[in-house]
């Protein structure tokens, strides 16, 4: 018996198991609470498009409320502002608690 067809058969079975495992968990996690939020693009984001005076436009931002509402929050995080880091840590803890509760409810 040739080895090549057996290798392809085994590889196909492994691929099928992996694909089936991934597809089985598609509906397990709920969507992010509240969905995407929109905010007007700040001036520096609009200028980064390369257009000298780009038209006003809306961009979708995904993240926790403070990140979306306050355009300076990202800059404050980058500068390691203690208040911004505290807000970020609070949001991470809340998200982990929601994820844990969701996984506990599913079992």
C-alpha atoms as a PDB file:
ATOM      1  CA  UNK A   1       0.000   0.000   0.000  1.00  0.00           C
ATOM      2  CA  UNK A   2       1.285   3.426  -0.907  1.00  0.00           C
ATOM      3  CA  UNK A   3       1.952   5.772   1.954  1.00  0.00           C
ATOM      4  CA  UNK A   4       0.770   8.960   0.220  1.00  0.00           C
ATOM      5  CA  UNK A   5      -3.016   8.218   0.119  1.00  0.00           C
ATOM      6  CA  UNK A   6      -2.930   7.214   3.792  1.00  0.00           C
ATOM      7  CA  UNK A   7      -1.188  10.486   4.737  1.00  0.00           C
ATOM      8  CA  UNK A   8      -3.824  12.488   2.892  1.00  0.00           C
ATOM      9  CA  UNK A   9      -6.633  10.481   4.478  1.00  0.00           C
ATOM     10  CA  UNK A  10      -5.270  11.040   8.000  1.00  0.00           C
ATOM     11  CA  UNK A  11      -4.659  14.736   7.297  1.00  0.00           C
ATOM     12  CA  UNK A  12      -8.225  15.049   6.004  1.00  0.00           C
ATOM     13  CA  UNK A  13      -9.647  13.418   9.119  1.00  0.00           C
ATOM     14  CA  UNK A  14      -7.644  15.699  11.391  1.00  0.00           C
ATOM     15  CA  UNK A  15      -8.732  18.729   9.373  1.00  0.00           C
ATOM     16  CA  UNK A  16     -12.349  17.573   9.612  1.00  0.00           C
ATOM     17  CA  UNK A  17     -12.159  17.150  13.385  1.00  0.00           C
ATOM     18  CA  UNK A  18     -10.594  20.593  13.832  1.00  0.00           C
ATOM     19  CA  UNK A  19     -13.144  22.241  11.550  1.00  0.00           C
ATOM     20  CA  UNK A  20     -15.999  20.466  13.332  1.00  0.00           C
ATOM     21  CA  UNK A  21     -14.678  21.525  16.726  1.00  0.00           C
ATOM     22  CA  UNK A  22     -14.451  25.158  15.611  1.00  0.00           C
ATOM     23  CA  UNK A  23     -17.938  25.125  14.081  1.00  0.00           C
ATOM     24  CA  UNK A  24     -19.453  23.509  17.176  1.00  0.00           C
ATOM     25  CA  UNK A  25     -18.582  26.523  19.328  1.00  0.00           C
ATOM     26  CA  UNK A  26     -19.816  29.243  16.970  1.00  0.00           C
ATOM     27  CA  UNK A  27     -22.997  30.095  18.879  1.00  0.00           C
ATOM     28  CA  UNK A  28     -21.617  29.725  22.400  1.00  0.00           C
ATOM     29  CA  UNK A  29     -20.453  33.265  23.078  1.00  0.00           C
ATOM     30  CA  UNK A  30     -22.911  36.161  23.149  1.00  0.00           C
ATOM     31  CA  UNK A  31     -22.181  39.297  21.189  1.00  0.00           C
ATOM     32  CA  UNK A  32     -20.458  42.141  22.974  1.00  0.00           C
ATOM     33  CA  UNK A  33     -22.934  44.036  25.161  1.00  0.00           C
ATOM     34  CA  UNK A  34     -24.436  47.012  23.396  1.00  0.00           C
ATOM     35  CA  UNK A  35     -22.810  46.323  20.047  1.00  0.00           C
ATOM     36  CA  UNK A  36     -20.477  48.773  18.335  1.00  0.00           C
ATOM     37  CA  UNK A  37     -20.664  52.399  19.331  1.00  0.00           C
ATOM     38  CA  UNK A  38     -20.104  55.240  16.909  1.00  0.00           C
ATOM     39  CA  UNK A  39     -18.296  58.473  17.481  1.00  0.00           C
ATOM     40  CA  UNK A  40     -17.264  61.314  15.252  1.00  0.00           C
ATOM     41  CA  UNK A  41     -13.703  60.899  14.092  1.00  0.00           C
ATOM     42  CA  UNK A  42     -11.413  63.267  15.994  1.00  0.00           C
ATOM     43  CA  UNK A  43      -9.433  65.821  14.022  1.00  0.00           C
ATOM     44  CA  UNK A  44      -6.139  63.926  14.100  1.00  0.00           C
ATOM     45  CA  UNK A  45      -7.838  60.758  12.822  1.00  0.00           C
ATOM     46  CA  UNK A  46      -9.399  62.647   9.939  1.00  0.00           C
ATOM     47  CA  UNK A  47      -6.115  64.344   9.077  1.00  0.00           C
ATOM     48  CA  UNK A  48      -4.355  60.968   9.021  1.00  0.00           C
ATOM     49  CA  UNK A  49      -6.398  60.014   5.973  1.00  0.00           C
ATOM     50  CA  UNK A  50      -4.106  62.191   3.852  1.00  0.00           C
ATOM     51  CA  UNK A  51      -6.855  64.600   2.825  1.00  0.00           C
ATOM     52  CA  UNK A  52      -6.117  68.201   3.797  1.00  0.00           C
ATOM     53  CA  UNK A  53      -9.676  69.004   4.849  1.00  0.00           C
ATOM     54  CA  UNK A  54     -11.600  65.730   4.826  1.00  0.00           C
ATOM     55  CA  UNK A  55     -15.386  65.831   5.165  1.00  0.00           C
ATOM     56  CA  UNK A  56     -16.924  65.084   8.546  1.00  0.00           C
ATOM     57  CA  UNK A  57     -17.596  61.401   8.799  1.00  0.00           C
ATOM     58  CA  UNK A  58     -18.504  58.843  11.387  1.00  0.00           C
ATOM     59  CA  UNK A  59     -16.329  55.903  12.290  1.00  0.00           C
ATOM     60  CA  UNK A  60     -17.233  52.869  14.368  1.00  0.00           C
ATOM     61  CA  UNK A  61     -15.208  52.434  17.526  1.00  0.00           C
ATOM     62  CA  UNK A  62     -15.316  49.199  19.457  1.00  0.00           C
ATOM     63  CA  UNK A  63     -14.506  49.222  23.117  1.00  0.00           C
ATOM     64  CA  UNK A  64     -15.672  50.151  26.550  1.00  0.00           C
ATOM     65  CA  UNK A  65     -17.737  53.345  26.968  1.00  0.00           C
ATOM     66  CA  UNK A  66     -14.917  55.626  28.153  1.00  0.00           C
ATOM     67  CA  UNK A  67     -12.730  54.604  25.223  1.00  0.00           C
ATOM     68  CA  UNK A  68     -15.475  55.565  22.785  1.00  0.00           C
ATOM     69  CA  UNK A  69     -16.734  58.723  24.508  1.00  0.00           C
ATOM     70  CA  UNK A  70     -13.386  60.323  25.345  1.00  0.00           C
ATOM     71  CA  UNK A  71     -11.031  60.719  22.357  1.00  0.00           C
ATOM     72  CA  UNK A  72      -8.143  61.534  24.718  1.00  0.00           C
ATOM     73  CA  UNK A  73      -8.526  58.312  26.717  1.00  0.00           C
ATOM     74  CA  UNK A  74      -6.330  56.345  24.284  1.00  0.00           C
ATOM     75  CA  UNK A  75      -3.610  58.963  24.543  1.00  0.00           C
ATOM     76  CA  UNK A  76      -3.859  58.928  28.342  1.00  0.00           C
ATOM     77  CA  UNK A  77      -3.506  55.133  28.337  1.00  0.00           C
ATOM     78  CA  UNK A  78      -0.437  55.411  26.125  1.00  0.00           C
ATOM     79  CA  UNK A  79       1.053  57.921  28.568  1.00  0.00           C
ATOM     80  CA  UNK A  80       0.166  55.543  31.457  1.00  0.00           C
ATOM     81  CA  UNK A  81      -2.071  58.049  33.190  1.00  0.00           C
ATOM     82  CA  UNK A  82      -3.121  56.453  36.530  1.00  0.00           C
ATOM     83  CA  UNK A  83      -6.788  57.416  36.155  1.00  0.00           C
ATOM     84  CA  UNK A  84      -6.990  56.028  32.618  1.00  0.00           C
ATOM     85  CA  UNK A  85      -5.273  52.807  33.701  1.00  0.00           C
ATOM     86  CA  UNK A  86      -7.698  52.477  36.616  1.00  0.00           C
ATOM     87  CA  UNK A  87     -10.661  52.793  34.221  1.00  0.00           C
ATOM     88  CA  UNK A  88      -9.083  50.234  31.877  1.00  0.00           C
ATOM     89  CA  UNK A  89      -8.423  47.762  34.703  1.00  0.00           C
ATOM     90  CA  UNK A  90     -11.992  48.148  35.976  1.00  0.00           C
ATOM     91  CA  UNK A  91     -13.339  47.387  32.491  1.00  0.00           C
ATOM     92  CA  UNK A  92     -11.053  44.330  32.122  1.00  0.00           C
ATOM     93  CA  UNK A  93     -12.251  42.935  35.468  1.00  0.00           C
ATOM     94  CA  UNK A  94     -15.891  43.520  34.495  1.00  0.00           C
ATOM     95  CA  UNK A  95     -15.380  41.823  31.103  1.00  0.00           C
ATOM     96  CA  UNK A  96     -13.675  38.828  32.721  1.00  0.00           C
ATOM     97  CA  UNK A  97     -16.523  38.539  35.227  1.00  0.00           C
ATOM     98  CA  UNK A  98     -19.070  38.589  32.370  1.00  0.00           C
ATOM     99  CA  UNK A  99     -17.090  35.953  30.458  1.00  0.00           C
ATOM    100  CA  UNK A 100     -16.836  33.737  33.557  1.00  0.00           C
ATOM    101  CA  UNK A 101     -20.551  34.101  34.262  1.00  0.00           C
ATOM    102  CA  UNK A 102     -21.360  33.267  30.635  1.00  0.00           C
ATOM    103  CA  UNK A 103     -19.146  30.173  30.647  1.00  0.00           C
ATOM    104  CA  UNK A 104     -20.614  29.040  33.975  1.00  0.00           C
ATOM    105  CA  UNK A 105     -24.167  29.478  32.664  1.00  0.00           C
ATOM    106  CA  UNK A 106     -23.391  27.386  29.590  1.00  0.00           C
ATOM    107  CA  UNK A 107     -22.262  24.315  31.549  1.00  0.00           C
END
